[in-house]
Amino acid sequence: MRFFTFILSSLSLITSSALVSAKKDLTETERKTIWSLVNADKSETIWKDKINWHADIWEARKIANREGKPLLIWEMDGHPMGCT
């Protein structure tokens, strides 16, 4: 079993080092192409400008009560990009 574990870890080390050595810098054209694929255009983000976002929960609660609207509280712990 130890030998099998050694072989697997060796193979993963060889594979990862081969991938790292194959890394190349992006050209400006490649960077722009990737950016255009992952970046949302204006038509995809129109909804976020129509929502009145509030950072103060108490103030948002008073506004929701006054307007007769529900209150959505989005809460998470950890880093916003990783939610650890």
C-alpha atoms as a PDB file:
ATOM      1  CA  MET A   1       0.000   0.000   0.000  1.00  0.00           C
ATOM      2  CA  ARG A   2       2.833   2.415   0.772  1.00  0.00           C
ATOM      3  CA  PHE A   3       4.402   1.638  -2.580  1.00  0.00           C
ATOM      4  CA  PHE A   4       1.110   2.353  -4.379  1.00  0.00           C
ATOM      5  CA  THR A   5       0.794   5.684  -2.538  1.00  0.00           C
ATOM      6  CA  PHE A   6       4.388   6.539  -3.453  1.00  0.00           C
ATOM      7  CA  ILE A   7       3.734   5.798  -7.132  1.00  0.00           C
ATOM      8  CA  LEU A   8       0.566   7.925  -7.191  1.00  0.00           C
ATOM      9  CA  SER A   9       2.220  10.875  -5.485  1.00  0.00           C
ATOM     10  CA  SER A  10       5.229  10.633  -7.823  1.00  0.00           C
ATOM     11  CA  LEU A  11       2.996  10.627 -10.887  1.00  0.00           C
ATOM     12  CA  SER A  12       1.049  13.652  -9.648  1.00  0.00           C
ATOM     13  CA  LEU A  13       4.307  15.499  -8.956  1.00  0.00           C
ATOM     14  CA  ILE A  14       5.637  14.743 -12.445  1.00  0.00           C
ATOM     15  CA  THR A  15       2.337  15.776 -14.054  1.00  0.00           C
ATOM     16  CA  SER A  16       2.055  19.026 -12.115  1.00  0.00           C
ATOM     17  CA  SER A  17       5.659  20.006 -12.837  1.00  0.00           C
ATOM     18  CA  ALA A  18       5.098  19.338 -16.556  1.00  0.00           C
ATOM     19  CA  LEU A  19       2.036  21.580 -16.523  1.00  0.00           C
ATOM     20  CA  VAL A  20       3.887  24.376 -14.755  1.00  0.00           C
ATOM     21  CA  SER A  21       6.781  24.253 -17.203  1.00  0.00           C
ATOM     22  CA  ALA A  22       4.332  24.382 -20.153  1.00  0.00           C
ATOM     23  CA  LYS A  23       2.847  27.686 -18.919  1.00  0.00           C
ATOM     24  CA  LYS A  24       3.188  30.610 -21.295  1.00  0.00           C
ATOM     25  CA  ASP A  25       2.248  34.261 -21.116  1.00  0.00           C
ATOM     26  CA  LEU A  26      -0.893  35.369 -22.917  1.00  0.00           C
ATOM     27  CA  THR A  27      -0.629  37.643 -25.900  1.00  0.00           C
ATOM     28  CA  GLU A  28      -2.659  40.841 -25.880  1.00  0.00           C
ATOM     29  CA  THR A  29      -5.110  39.343 -28.394  1.00  0.00           C
ATOM     30  CA  GLU A  30      -5.605  36.206 -26.272  1.00  0.00           C
ATOM     31  CA  ARG A  31      -6.113  38.309 -23.154  1.00  0.00           C
ATOM     32  CA  LYS A  32      -8.756  40.473 -24.858  1.00  0.00           C
ATOM     33  CA  THR A  33     -10.539  37.399 -26.216  1.00  0.00           C
ATOM     34  CA  ILE A  34     -10.677  35.741 -22.784  1.00  0.00           C
ATOM     35  CA  TRP A  35     -11.775  39.005 -21.151  1.00  0.00           C
ATOM     36  CA  SER A  36     -14.639  39.420 -23.622  1.00  0.00           C
ATOM     37  CA  LEU A  37     -15.792  35.849 -22.938  1.00  0.00           C
ATOM     38  CA  VAL A  38     -15.844  36.088 -19.122  1.00  0.00           C
ATOM     39  CA  ASN A  39     -16.849  39.730 -18.674  1.00  0.00           C
ATOM     40  CA  ALA A  40     -20.598  40.401 -18.706  1.00  0.00           C
ATOM     41  CA  ASP A  41     -21.820  43.040 -21.109  1.00  0.00           C
ATOM     42  CA  LYS A  42     -24.284  45.799 -20.164  1.00  0.00           C
ATOM     43  CA  SER A  43     -27.372  43.839 -21.261  1.00  0.00           C
ATOM     44  CA  GLU A  44     -26.513  41.039 -18.822  1.00  0.00           C
ATOM     45  CA  THR A  45     -26.139  43.309 -15.789  1.00  0.00           C
ATOM     46  CA  ILE A  46     -29.092  45.685 -16.225  1.00  0.00           C
ATOM     47  CA  TRP A  47     -30.989  44.000 -13.351  1.00  0.00           C
ATOM     48  CA  LYS A  48     -28.450  45.017 -10.692  1.00  0.00           C
ATOM     49  CA  ASP A  49     -28.952  48.715 -11.393  1.00  0.00           C
ATOM     50  CA  LYS A  50     -32.732  48.404 -10.910  1.00  0.00           C
ATOM     51  CA  ILE A  51     -32.462  47.051  -7.347  1.00  0.00           C
ATOM     52  CA  ASN A  52     -32.069  49.466  -4.449  1.00  0.00           C
ATOM     53  CA  TRP A  53     -29.257  47.767  -2.529  1.00  0.00           C
ATOM     54  CA  HIS A  54     -28.827  48.727   1.139  1.00  0.00           C
ATOM     55  CA  ALA A  55     -25.919  47.941   3.445  1.00  0.00           C
ATOM     56  CA  ASP A  56     -27.760  49.062   6.601  1.00  0.00           C
ATOM     57  CA  ILE A  57     -30.281  46.354   7.570  1.00  0.00           C
ATOM     58  CA  TRP A  58     -32.300  48.593   9.898  1.00  0.00           C
ATOM     59  CA  GLU A  59     -32.669  51.296   7.243  1.00  0.00           C
ATOM     60  CA  ALA A  60     -33.602  48.665   4.617  1.00  0.00           C
ATOM     61  CA  ARG A  61     -36.211  47.230   7.008  1.00  0.00           C
ATOM     62  CA  LYS A  62     -37.820  50.640   7.488  1.00  0.00           C
ATOM     63  CA  ILE A  63     -37.926  51.282   3.720  1.00  0.00           C
ATOM     64  CA  ALA A  64     -39.368  47.803   3.013  1.00  0.00           C
ATOM     65  CA  ASN A  65     -42.033  48.334   5.691  1.00  0.00           C
ATOM     66  CA  ARG A  66     -42.951  51.780   4.368  1.00  0.00           C
ATOM     67  CA  GLU A  67     -43.229  50.487   0.753  1.00  0.00           C
ATOM     68  CA  GLY A  68     -44.941  47.203   1.714  1.00  0.00           C
ATOM     69  CA  LYS A  69     -42.212  45.111   0.128  1.00  0.00           C
ATOM     70  CA  PRO A  70     -40.410  42.027   1.400  1.00  0.00           C
ATOM     71  CA  LEU A  71     -36.860  42.210   2.687  1.00  0.00           C
ATOM     72  CA  LEU A  72     -34.223  39.809   1.365  1.00  0.00           C
ATOM     73  CA  ILE A  73     -31.123  39.440   3.525  1.00  0.00           C
ATOM     74  CA  TRP A  74     -28.190  37.822   1.756  1.00  0.00           C
ATOM     75  CA  GLU A  75     -25.695  36.702   4.380  1.00  0.00           C
ATOM     76  CA  MET A  76     -22.618  34.541   4.095  1.00  0.00           C
ATOM     77  CA  ASP A  77     -19.499  33.829   6.081  1.00  0.00           C
ATOM     78  CA  GLY A  78     -15.975  33.814   4.772  1.00  0.00           C
ATOM     79  CA  HIS A  79     -14.356  35.397   1.774  1.00  0.00           C
ATOM     80  CA  PRO A  80     -16.876  36.653  -0.829  1.00  0.00           C
ATOM     81  CA  MET A  81     -15.036  34.814  -3.622  1.00  0.00           C
ATOM     82  CA  GLY A  82     -14.665  31.536  -1.758  1.00  0.00           C
ATOM     83  CA  CYS A  83     -17.331  31.325   0.959  1.00  0.00           C
ATOM     84  CA  THR A  84     -15.073  29.296   3.254  1.00  0.00           C
END
